[in-house]
Amino acid sequence: MRRTHFSLLLVIALVATACAGGEPGDNGDGGGDGGGGGSVSLAAVWTGTEQENFQLVLDAFTEETGISAEYQSNADIGTFLGTQIEGGQPPDVALLPQPGLMRDLAGQDALVPVSDDVEAALDENYAPVWKDLGTVDGELYGVYFKAANKATWWYNTAAFEQAGVEPAEDWDGLLDDADTVAQSGLAYLSIGGGDAWPLTDLFENIYLKTAGGDMYDQLSNHEIPWTDQSVIDALNVMGELLGDDANLAGGQRGTLQTDFPTSVSQVFSGQPKAATVYEGDFVAGVISGETEATVGEDADFFPFPAIDGQGAESVVGGGDVAVALTDNENAQALLEFLASAEAAEVWAEVGGFTSPNQNVDIGVYPDEISARIAEAVANATEFRFDMSDLQPAEFGATAGRGMWLRFQQFIESGDPQKTARDLEADAAKAFG
């Protein structure tokens, strides 16, 4: 395993601390100015197995630096941090699951920009898009440590073999495959329209590939209306697949009654109803937990295909970003470590983890599927967060309202113009 060599500044600080005989608690406990030794406090949402695996990363950090890491889990990280900040005792570092929370905290002057050494580690190990995602108003605050890939399309290998098709590289190829698979007696796609959010994820991938990252950002922030032609164009593409009953397991009506777990089992059960299911990398866990299929044998995935030659390396997903809330060297040392390939490889090796770090040894992932998912994230030229998660909740993530409702209605109506008008009316209310 590669070892990360921290900056000369940190080494000097370690020596100075040892020579000065400082107290162990003087460094990194929420406002000290120490370097090596002492402690650093941090908070994240991870519990259970995820917490245990992250603790392995923190143990490696302590071994590397001599700095002990004191971890606290809180599912409602935003509320927890708000209380701690108000009380003047925030943790030194927090890992945030939503980019909006990072922007909010930066707007409150609650975050400390990363050091030059952390920025250098990001430049060395990450594609430029990840540095951009960690920046607010021109100031770099965040290190993206863990990521999720929602640009994966999962397929039943036996169904593809029976139909004589291969994973599509572009949207036109996917539509051709859908026709071929239908002739073999199966629907092409199973999707959890009853839960609605898989429909918004599908649209978001299509929109990123057809409109590009800048337009995606503008729509996410409601800087352009949902009636913009770029939205109409993406809905037309979406309708090419969803507008044909024969493409969908159970047809359009059945799709609207299908929840996400069922959408997966309909593809990988003993008697499949469809050849593919669209959703993120977490589909692998549902396949393993809810069906008899074996990931990598009976089940595989291909990247969300390019559309009209665009977006081959664009990915919609999610991630956890590490930020500093106190101004001390131990907090920066932890951020620098989290930006290293070594830190990511510790968790990657035990599974259940995707790193956006380009220099992680792909061979450490426990299986070929995990490695390919991570490679797509690390090499993405455009990575954007799930758009619905960036919206006000009443518009982006509420059953029977906003995006969830309108995309379900789009399945029924197939009318891009009306869907766009309804989405814009809902967004205008939500954004005030």
Protein backbone atom coordinates (compact mmCIF):
# COMPACT_ATOMS: atom_id res chain seq x y z
CA MET A 1 0.00 0.00 0.00
CA ARG A 2 1.34 3.41 -0.86
CA ARG A 3 2.24 5.72 2.02
CA THR A 4 1.42 9.41 1.87
CA HIS A 5 4.30 11.73 2.65
CA PHE A 6 2.85 14.77 4.34
CA SER A 7 4.20 18.24 3.85
CA LEU A 8 7.41 19.57 5.27
CA LEU A 9 5.31 22.01 7.30
CA LEU A 10 3.62 19.15 9.14
CA VAL A 11 6.94 17.41 9.78
CA ILE A 12 8.39 20.61 11.22
CA ALA A 13 5.30 20.98 13.40
CA LEU A 14 5.72 17.43 14.68
CA VAL A 15 9.33 18.09 15.66
CA ALA A 16 8.51 21.45 17.22
CA THR A 17 5.73 19.93 19.29
CA ALA A 18 7.97 17.14 20.56
CA CYS A 19 10.74 19.56 21.46
CA ALA A 20 8.38 21.94 23.18
CA GLY A 21 6.85 19.18 25.29
CA GLY A 22 3.33 20.45 24.60
CA GLU A 23 0.28 18.95 26.25
CA PRO A 24 -1.37 16.18 24.18
CA GLY A 25 -4.71 17.94 24.12
CA ASP A 26 -3.34 21.24 22.89
CA ASN A 27 -3.46 20.29 19.22
CA GLY A 28 -6.52 19.96 17.04
CA ASP A 29 -9.20 19.84 19.70
CA GLY A 30 -11.34 22.56 18.21
CA GLY A 31 -9.14 25.59 17.87
CA GLY A 32 -5.57 24.74 18.80
CA ASP A 33 -2.74 25.54 16.45
CA GLY A 34 -0.77 22.34 16.73
CA GLY A 35 0.65 20.05 14.11
CA GLY A 36 1.38 16.37 14.77
CA GLY A 37 0.23 14.57 17.89
CA GLY A 38 -2.83 15.57 19.84
CA SER A 39 -6.25 14.85 18.40
CA VAL A 40 -8.78 15.88 15.81
CA SER A 41 -12.55 15.61 16.21
CA LEU A 42 -14.85 14.80 13.33
CA ALA A 43 -18.48 14.06 12.60
CA ALA A 44 -20.27 12.17 9.79
CA VAL A 45 -23.50 10.30 9.19
CA TRP A 46 -21.96 6.82 8.95
CA THR A 47 -23.04 4.13 11.39
CA GLY A 48 -22.79 0.34 11.55
CA THR A 49 -20.57 -1.28 8.94
CA GLU A 50 -19.82 2.05 7.26
CA GLN A 51 -18.61 3.50 10.55
CA GLU A 52 -16.48 0.42 11.20
CA ASN A 53 -14.90 0.69 7.76
CA PHE A 54 -14.28 4.41 8.11
CA GLN A 55 -12.64 3.75 11.47
CA LEU A 56 -10.05 1.69 9.61
CA VAL A 57 -9.26 4.84 7.61
CA LEU A 58 -8.95 6.89 10.80
CA ASP A 59 -6.69 4.23 12.34
CA ALA A 60 -4.41 4.51 9.31
CA PHE A 61 -4.40 8.30 9.72
CA THR A 62 -3.36 7.98 13.34
CA GLU A 63 -0.62 5.52 12.46
CA GLU A 64 0.63 7.90 9.75
CA THR A 65 0.58 11.12 11.77
CA GLY A 66 0.37 10.32 15.48
CA ILE A 67 -2.88 12.33 15.63
CA SER A 68 -5.79 10.53 17.27
CA ALA A 69 -9.19 10.91 15.60
CA GLU A 70 -12.34 11.20 17.71
CA TYR A 71 -15.37 10.24 15.60
CA GLN A 72 -19.01 11.08 16.29
CA SER A 73 -21.93 9.85 14.18
CA ASN A 74 -25.11 11.86 13.69
CA ALA A 75 -27.75 11.05 11.09
CA ASP A 76 -29.05 14.64 11.06
CA ILE A 77 -25.64 16.15 10.45
CA GLY A 78 -26.96 19.57 9.43
CA THR A 79 -28.90 20.12 12.63
CA PHE A 80 -26.08 18.69 14.74
CA LEU A 81 -23.48 21.00 13.22
CA GLY A 82 -25.78 24.00 13.54
CA THR A 83 -26.13 23.37 17.26
CA GLN A 84 -22.41 22.82 17.75
CA ILE A 85 -21.47 25.92 15.77
CA GLU A 86 -23.97 28.03 17.72
CA GLY A 87 -22.46 26.74 20.95
CA GLY A 88 -18.94 27.54 19.81
CA GLN A 89 -17.79 23.92 19.84
CA PRO A 90 -17.95 22.51 16.31
CA PRO A 91 -15.96 19.40 15.43
CA ASP A 92 -12.70 20.08 13.66
CA VAL A 93 -13.84 18.24 10.54
CA ALA A 94 -17.20 17.10 9.19
CA LEU A 95 -18.10 14.88 6.26
CA LEU A 96 -21.22 16.24 4.61
CA PRO A 97 -23.53 14.16 2.40
CA GLN A 98 -25.07 17.16 0.62
CA PRO A 99 -23.26 19.88 -1.34
CA GLY A 100 -25.99 22.32 -0.34
CA LEU A 101 -24.99 21.95 3.30
CA MET A 102 -21.39 22.85 2.43
CA ARG A 103 -22.63 25.98 0.63
CA ASP A 104 -24.83 26.92 3.58
CA LEU A 105 -21.99 26.55 6.08
CA ALA A 106 -19.61 28.50 3.85
CA GLY A 107 -22.21 31.26 3.61
CA GLN A 108 -22.28 31.40 7.41
CA ASP A 109 -18.47 31.72 7.52
CA ALA A 110 -18.44 28.44 9.45
CA LEU A 111 -15.84 26.73 7.24
CA VAL A 112 -12.08 27.11 6.97
CA PRO A 113 -10.55 26.97 3.46
CA VAL A 114 -8.20 24.09 2.76
CA SER A 115 -4.46 24.62 3.12
CA ASP A 116 -2.03 24.79 0.21
CA ASP A 117 -0.95 21.22 0.98
CA VAL A 118 -4.52 19.92 0.83
CA GLU A 119 -5.07 21.72 -2.46
CA ALA A 120 -1.86 20.21 -3.82
CA ALA A 121 -3.10 16.73 -2.84
CA LEU A 122 -6.36 17.39 -4.68
CA ASP A 123 -4.49 18.56 -7.77
CA GLU A 124 -2.37 15.40 -7.68
CA ASN A 125 -5.13 12.87 -7.07
CA TYR A 126 -8.43 14.20 -8.44
CA ALA A 127 -9.91 15.24 -11.75
CA PRO A 128 -10.53 19.01 -11.86
CA VAL A 129 -14.30 18.58 -11.55
CA TRP A 130 -13.93 17.41 -7.92
CA LYS A 131 -12.00 20.50 -6.97
CA ASP A 132 -14.72 22.61 -8.56
CA LEU A 133 -17.38 20.75 -6.57
CA GLY A 134 -15.51 21.53 -3.34
CA THR A 135 -15.39 25.25 -4.10
CA VAL A 136 -17.87 27.90 -2.97
CA ASP A 137 -17.66 31.46 -4.31
CA GLY A 138 -14.10 30.93 -5.45
CA GLU A 139 -12.86 29.49 -2.14
CA LEU A 140 -11.83 25.83 -1.90
CA TYR A 141 -13.28 24.13 1.19
CA GLY A 142 -13.98 20.49 0.43
CA VAL A 143 -12.31 17.14 -0.15
CA TYR A 144 -14.68 14.58 -1.69
CA PHE A 145 -13.81 11.30 -0.04
CA LYS A 146 -16.72 8.96 -0.88
CA ALA A 147 -18.89 8.99 -3.99
CA ALA A 148 -21.91 7.24 -5.49
CA ASN A 149 -22.52 6.55 -9.16
CA LYS A 150 -26.08 6.91 -10.46
CA ALA A 151 -25.05 6.50 -14.10
CA THR A 152 -25.15 2.69 -14.11
CA TRP A 153 -27.54 0.57 -16.17
CA TRP A 154 -27.90 -3.04 -14.92
CA TYR A 155 -28.75 -6.01 -17.12
CA ASN A 156 -29.56 -9.70 -16.96
CA THR A 157 -26.66 -11.35 -18.77
CA ALA A 158 -28.71 -14.39 -19.82
CA ALA A 159 -31.46 -12.17 -21.25
CA PHE A 160 -28.93 -10.22 -23.31
CA GLU A 161 -27.35 -13.44 -24.53
CA GLN A 162 -30.72 -14.88 -25.50
CA ALA A 163 -31.65 -11.72 -27.41
CA GLY A 164 -28.21 -11.49 -28.99
CA VAL A 165 -27.47 -7.94 -27.83
CA GLU A 166 -24.47 -6.30 -26.18
CA PRO A 167 -24.46 -3.35 -23.74
CA ALA A 168 -25.24 -0.17 -25.67
CA GLU A 169 -22.67 2.59 -26.00
CA ASP A 170 -25.13 5.25 -27.16
CA TRP A 171 -28.82 6.04 -26.83
CA ASP A 172 -29.73 5.02 -30.38
CA GLY A 173 -28.09 1.66 -29.75
CA LEU A 174 -30.10 1.28 -26.55
CA LEU A 175 -33.35 1.94 -28.40
CA ASP A 176 -32.37 -0.61 -31.06
CA ASP A 177 -31.61 -3.13 -28.30
CA ALA A 178 -34.99 -2.45 -26.73
CA ASP A 179 -36.70 -3.44 -29.99
CA THR A 180 -34.57 -6.58 -30.29
CA VAL A 181 -35.16 -7.64 -26.70
CA ALA A 182 -38.92 -7.14 -27.13
CA GLN A 183 -38.82 -9.60 -30.03
CA SER A 184 -37.27 -12.16 -27.67
CA GLY A 185 -40.33 -11.90 -25.41
CA LEU A 186 -39.08 -9.56 -22.67
CA ALA A 187 -39.56 -5.90 -21.96
CA TYR A 188 -36.29 -3.99 -22.09
CA LEU A 189 -36.63 -1.85 -18.94
CA SER A 190 -37.88 -2.23 -15.40
CA ILE A 191 -37.91 1.03 -13.43
CA GLY A 192 -39.39 2.01 -10.07
CA GLY A 193 -41.95 4.52 -11.27
CA GLY A 194 -44.08 3.95 -8.18
CA ASP A 195 -41.31 5.44 -6.04
CA ALA A 196 -40.82 8.25 -8.60
CA TRP A 197 -37.22 9.11 -7.72
CA PRO A 198 -35.80 6.60 -10.24
CA LEU A 199 -37.65 8.59 -12.91
CA THR A 200 -36.02 11.84 -11.79
CA ASP A 201 -32.61 10.13 -11.77
CA LEU A 202 -33.20 8.91 -15.31
CA PHE A 203 -34.12 12.41 -16.48
CA GLU A 204 -31.11 13.96 -14.74
CA ASN A 205 -28.67 11.67 -16.55
CA ILE A 206 -30.36 12.41 -19.86
CA TYR A 207 -30.33 16.14 -19.17
CA LEU A 208 -26.65 16.20 -18.19
CA LYS A 209 -25.71 14.39 -21.39
CA THR A 210 -27.90 16.47 -23.71
CA ALA A 211 -27.58 19.92 -22.13
CA GLY A 212 -24.15 19.73 -20.45
CA GLY A 213 -22.88 20.62 -17.00
CA ASP A 214 -23.35 24.40 -17.17
CA MET A 215 -27.01 24.12 -18.12
CA TYR A 216 -27.47 21.40 -15.50
CA ASP A 217 -26.15 23.80 -12.86
CA GLN A 218 -28.43 26.58 -14.06
CA LEU A 219 -31.51 24.36 -13.99
CA SER A 220 -30.53 23.02 -10.56
CA ASN A 221 -30.41 26.59 -9.23
CA HIS A 222 -33.57 27.61 -11.12
CA GLU A 223 -31.55 30.19 -13.05
CA ILE A 224 -33.33 29.00 -16.18
CA PRO A 225 -36.97 27.91 -16.23
CA TRP A 226 -38.11 24.32 -16.61
CA THR A 227 -39.81 25.45 -19.82
CA ASP A 228 -36.38 26.02 -21.40
CA GLN A 229 -35.93 24.18 -24.69
CA SER A 230 -33.13 22.11 -23.15
CA VAL A 231 -35.68 20.53 -20.79
CA ILE A 232 -38.11 19.86 -23.65
CA ASP A 233 -35.31 18.20 -25.61
CA ALA A 234 -34.36 15.94 -22.68
CA LEU A 235 -37.99 14.97 -22.09
CA ASN A 236 -38.32 14.06 -25.76
CA VAL A 237 -35.31 11.74 -25.43
CA MET A 238 -36.74 10.21 -22.28
CA GLY A 239 -40.04 9.67 -24.05
CA GLU A 240 -38.35 7.71 -26.83
CA LEU A 241 -37.88 4.88 -24.34
CA LEU A 242 -40.70 5.35 -21.84
CA GLY A 243 -43.35 6.27 -24.38
CA ASP A 244 -43.59 2.73 -25.74
CA ASP A 245 -45.52 0.30 -23.53
CA ALA A 246 -43.60 -2.62 -25.01
CA ASN A 247 -40.33 -1.31 -23.56
CA LEU A 248 -41.54 -1.36 -19.96
CA ALA A 249 -42.14 -4.26 -17.59
CA GLY A 250 -45.90 -4.15 -16.98
CA GLY A 251 -46.26 -1.31 -19.46
CA GLN A 252 -46.69 2.28 -18.35
CA ARG A 253 -49.41 1.42 -15.85
CA GLY A 254 -47.33 -1.34 -14.30
CA THR A 255 -44.30 0.94 -14.12
CA LEU A 256 -46.25 3.42 -12.00
CA GLN A 257 -47.10 0.62 -9.56
CA THR A 258 -43.53 -0.69 -9.26
CA ASP A 259 -41.31 0.27 -6.32
CA PHE A 260 -37.53 0.31 -6.56
CA PRO A 261 -36.75 -3.11 -4.99
CA THR A 262 -39.37 -4.75 -7.21
CA SER A 263 -37.89 -3.05 -10.27
CA VAL A 264 -34.64 -4.89 -9.53
CA SER A 265 -36.18 -8.28 -8.73
CA GLN A 266 -38.24 -8.14 -11.96
CA VAL A 267 -34.97 -8.31 -13.89
CA PHE A 268 -33.00 -10.82 -11.80
CA SER A 269 -35.66 -13.23 -10.57
CA GLY A 270 -36.01 -16.78 -11.89
CA GLN A 271 -38.63 -15.62 -14.39
CA PRO A 272 -37.58 -12.07 -15.36
CA LYS A 273 -40.06 -9.57 -16.73
CA ALA A 274 -37.42 -7.27 -18.19
CA ALA A 275 -33.82 -7.43 -19.35
CA THR A 276 -32.54 -4.28 -17.65
CA VAL A 277 -33.12 -1.99 -14.69
CA TYR A 278 -31.87 1.56 -14.50
CA GLU A 279 -30.52 2.92 -11.22
CA GLY A 280 -27.32 3.61 -9.31
CA ASP A 281 -24.47 1.47 -8.06
CA PHE A 282 -26.56 0.44 -5.04
CA VAL A 283 -28.53 -1.88 -7.34
CA ALA A 284 -25.76 -4.43 -6.75
CA GLY A 285 -26.72 -4.66 -3.08
CA VAL A 286 -30.38 -5.26 -3.91
CA ILE A 287 -29.46 -7.97 -6.41
CA SER A 288 -27.34 -9.74 -3.79
CA GLY A 289 -29.83 -9.25 -0.97
CA GLU A 290 -33.16 -9.81 -2.70
CA THR A 291 -32.50 -12.29 -5.54
CA GLU A 292 -30.57 -15.48 -6.22
CA ALA A 293 -28.56 -13.79 -8.99
CA THR A 294 -24.81 -13.34 -8.66
CA VAL A 295 -23.37 -9.92 -9.44
CA GLY A 296 -20.63 -10.29 -12.04
CA GLU A 297 -22.14 -13.50 -13.45
CA ASP A 298 -25.93 -13.27 -13.79
CA ALA A 299 -25.94 -9.50 -13.39
CA ASP A 300 -23.70 -6.83 -14.85
CA PHE A 301 -23.91 -3.13 -15.71
CA PHE A 302 -22.92 -0.73 -18.45
CA PRO A 303 -22.39 3.03 -18.14
CA PHE A 304 -25.33 5.27 -18.96
CA PRO A 305 -24.94 5.63 -22.74
CA ALA A 306 -23.90 8.78 -24.58
CA ILE A 307 -26.66 10.70 -26.38
CA ASP A 308 -26.00 12.15 -29.84
CA GLY A 309 -22.29 11.72 -29.22
CA GLN A 310 -22.35 13.70 -25.98
CA GLY A 311 -21.78 12.88 -22.32
CA ALA A 312 -19.88 9.60 -22.60
CA GLU A 313 -17.95 10.44 -19.41
CA SER A 314 -20.56 12.47 -17.52
CA VAL A 315 -21.96 11.01 -14.30
CA VAL A 316 -24.85 11.92 -12.02
CA GLY A 317 -24.33 10.77 -8.47
CA GLY A 318 -23.70 11.76 -4.90
CA GLY A 319 -20.85 12.02 -2.45
CA ASP A 320 -19.54 12.92 0.99
CA VAL A 321 -17.29 15.97 1.25
CA ALA A 322 -14.85 16.58 4.13
CA VAL A 323 -14.60 20.18 5.37
CA ALA A 324 -12.77 21.90 8.22
CA LEU A 325 -14.76 23.88 10.79
CA THR A 326 -11.83 24.91 12.98
CA ASP A 327 -8.58 26.58 12.03
CA ASN A 328 -5.84 24.18 13.14
CA GLU A 329 -3.19 22.05 11.52
CA ASN A 330 -4.59 18.73 12.67
CA ALA A 331 -7.84 19.39 10.82
CA GLN A 332 -5.87 20.20 7.68
CA ALA A 333 -3.72 17.10 8.18
CA LEU A 334 -6.85 14.95 8.21
CA LEU A 335 -8.16 16.62 5.05
CA GLU A 336 -4.81 16.03 3.36
CA PHE A 337 -4.89 12.37 4.36
CA LEU A 338 -8.47 11.94 3.10
CA ALA A 339 -7.33 13.38 -0.24
CA SER A 340 -4.68 10.67 -0.54
CA ALA A 341 -4.92 7.40 -2.45
CA GLU A 342 -3.83 5.57 0.69
CA ALA A 343 -6.86 6.66 2.70
CA ALA A 344 -9.30 5.65 -0.03
CA GLU A 345 -7.62 2.28 -0.57
CA VAL A 346 -8.15 1.33 3.09
CA TRP A 347 -11.94 1.44 2.70
CA ALA A 348 -12.01 0.34 -0.95
CA GLU A 349 -10.31 -2.91 -0.03
CA VAL A 350 -13.10 -3.98 2.35
CA GLY A 351 -15.92 -3.03 -0.05
CA GLY A 352 -19.02 -0.85 0.00
CA PHE A 353 -17.07 2.20 -1.10
CA THR A 354 -16.39 4.21 -4.25
CA SER A 355 -13.59 6.76 -4.36
CA PRO A 356 -13.36 9.72 -6.75
CA ASN A 357 -9.57 9.63 -6.32
CA GLN A 358 -7.93 8.89 -9.68
CA ASN A 359 -4.77 7.43 -8.16
CA VAL A 360 -6.47 4.70 -6.15
CA ASP A 361 -5.19 1.30 -7.25
CA ILE A 362 -8.24 -0.22 -8.97
CA GLY A 363 -6.90 -3.63 -7.99
CA VAL A 364 -7.73 -3.04 -4.32
CA TYR A 365 -11.49 -3.11 -4.94
CA PRO A 366 -12.92 -6.48 -3.88
CA ASP A 367 -14.48 -7.29 -7.27
CA GLU A 368 -14.39 -6.22 -10.90
CA ILE A 369 -17.86 -4.61 -10.78
CA SER A 370 -16.88 -2.30 -7.89
CA ALA A 371 -13.67 -1.39 -9.69
CA ARG A 372 -15.47 -0.42 -12.91
CA ILE A 373 -18.02 1.68 -11.01
CA ALA A 374 -15.24 3.53 -9.22
CA GLU A 375 -13.25 4.01 -12.42
CA ALA A 376 -16.22 5.70 -14.07
CA VAL A 377 -16.57 8.12 -11.13
CA ALA A 378 -12.87 8.91 -10.89
CA ASN A 379 -12.56 9.53 -14.64
CA ALA A 380 -15.77 11.52 -15.07
CA THR A 381 -15.20 14.74 -16.98
CA GLU A 382 -18.49 16.07 -15.63
CA PHE A 383 -19.88 14.89 -12.30
CA ARG A 384 -23.10 16.43 -11.04
CA PHE A 385 -25.12 15.72 -7.93
CA ASP A 386 -28.59 14.29 -8.10
CA MET A 387 -30.61 17.35 -9.13
CA SER A 388 -33.71 16.50 -7.12
CA ASP A 389 -31.59 16.40 -3.95
CA LEU A 390 -30.40 19.95 -4.68
CA GLN A 391 -33.94 21.34 -4.84
CA PRO A 392 -36.18 22.58 -2.02
CA ALA A 393 -37.65 19.39 -0.58
CA GLU A 394 -41.23 20.24 -1.52
CA PHE A 395 -40.17 20.38 -5.17
CA GLY A 396 -37.40 17.80 -5.43
CA ALA A 397 -38.11 15.05 -2.93
CA THR A 398 -41.73 14.83 -1.77
CA ALA A 399 -44.14 12.06 -2.76
CA GLY A 400 -47.08 13.32 -4.80
CA ARG A 401 -45.54 16.75 -5.39
CA GLY A 402 -43.04 18.56 -7.59
CA MET A 403 -40.57 16.53 -9.62
CA TRP A 404 -41.74 13.17 -8.29
CA LEU A 405 -45.35 13.81 -9.30
CA ARG A 406 -44.61 15.45 -12.66
CA PHE A 407 -42.36 12.67 -13.91
CA GLN A 408 -44.95 10.09 -12.94
CA GLN A 409 -47.52 12.10 -14.87
CA PHE A 410 -45.12 12.26 -17.82
CA ILE A 411 -45.21 8.45 -18.00
CA GLU A 412 -49.00 8.70 -18.45
CA SER A 413 -49.25 11.75 -20.70
CA GLY A 414 -46.06 11.59 -22.76
CA ASP A 415 -46.41 15.36 -23.16
CA PRO A 416 -43.08 17.19 -22.78
CA GLN A 417 -44.57 20.68 -23.08
CA LYS A 418 -47.18 20.17 -20.36
CA THR A 419 -44.68 18.42 -18.10
CA ALA A 420 -42.24 21.32 -18.45
CA ARG A 421 -44.95 23.89 -17.69
CA ASP A 422 -46.06 21.99 -14.60
CA LEU A 423 -42.49 21.59 -13.39
CA GLU A 424 -41.84 25.29 -13.82
CA ALA A 425 -45.00 26.25 -11.91
CA ASP A 426 -43.95 23.97 -9.03
CA ALA A 427 -40.35 25.21 -9.05
CA ALA A 428 -41.39 28.87 -9.06
CA LYS A 429 -43.43 28.28 -5.90
CA ALA A 430 -40.67 26.30 -4.18
CA PHE A 431 -37.93 28.82 -4.94
CA GLY A 432 -40.18 31.74 -4.01
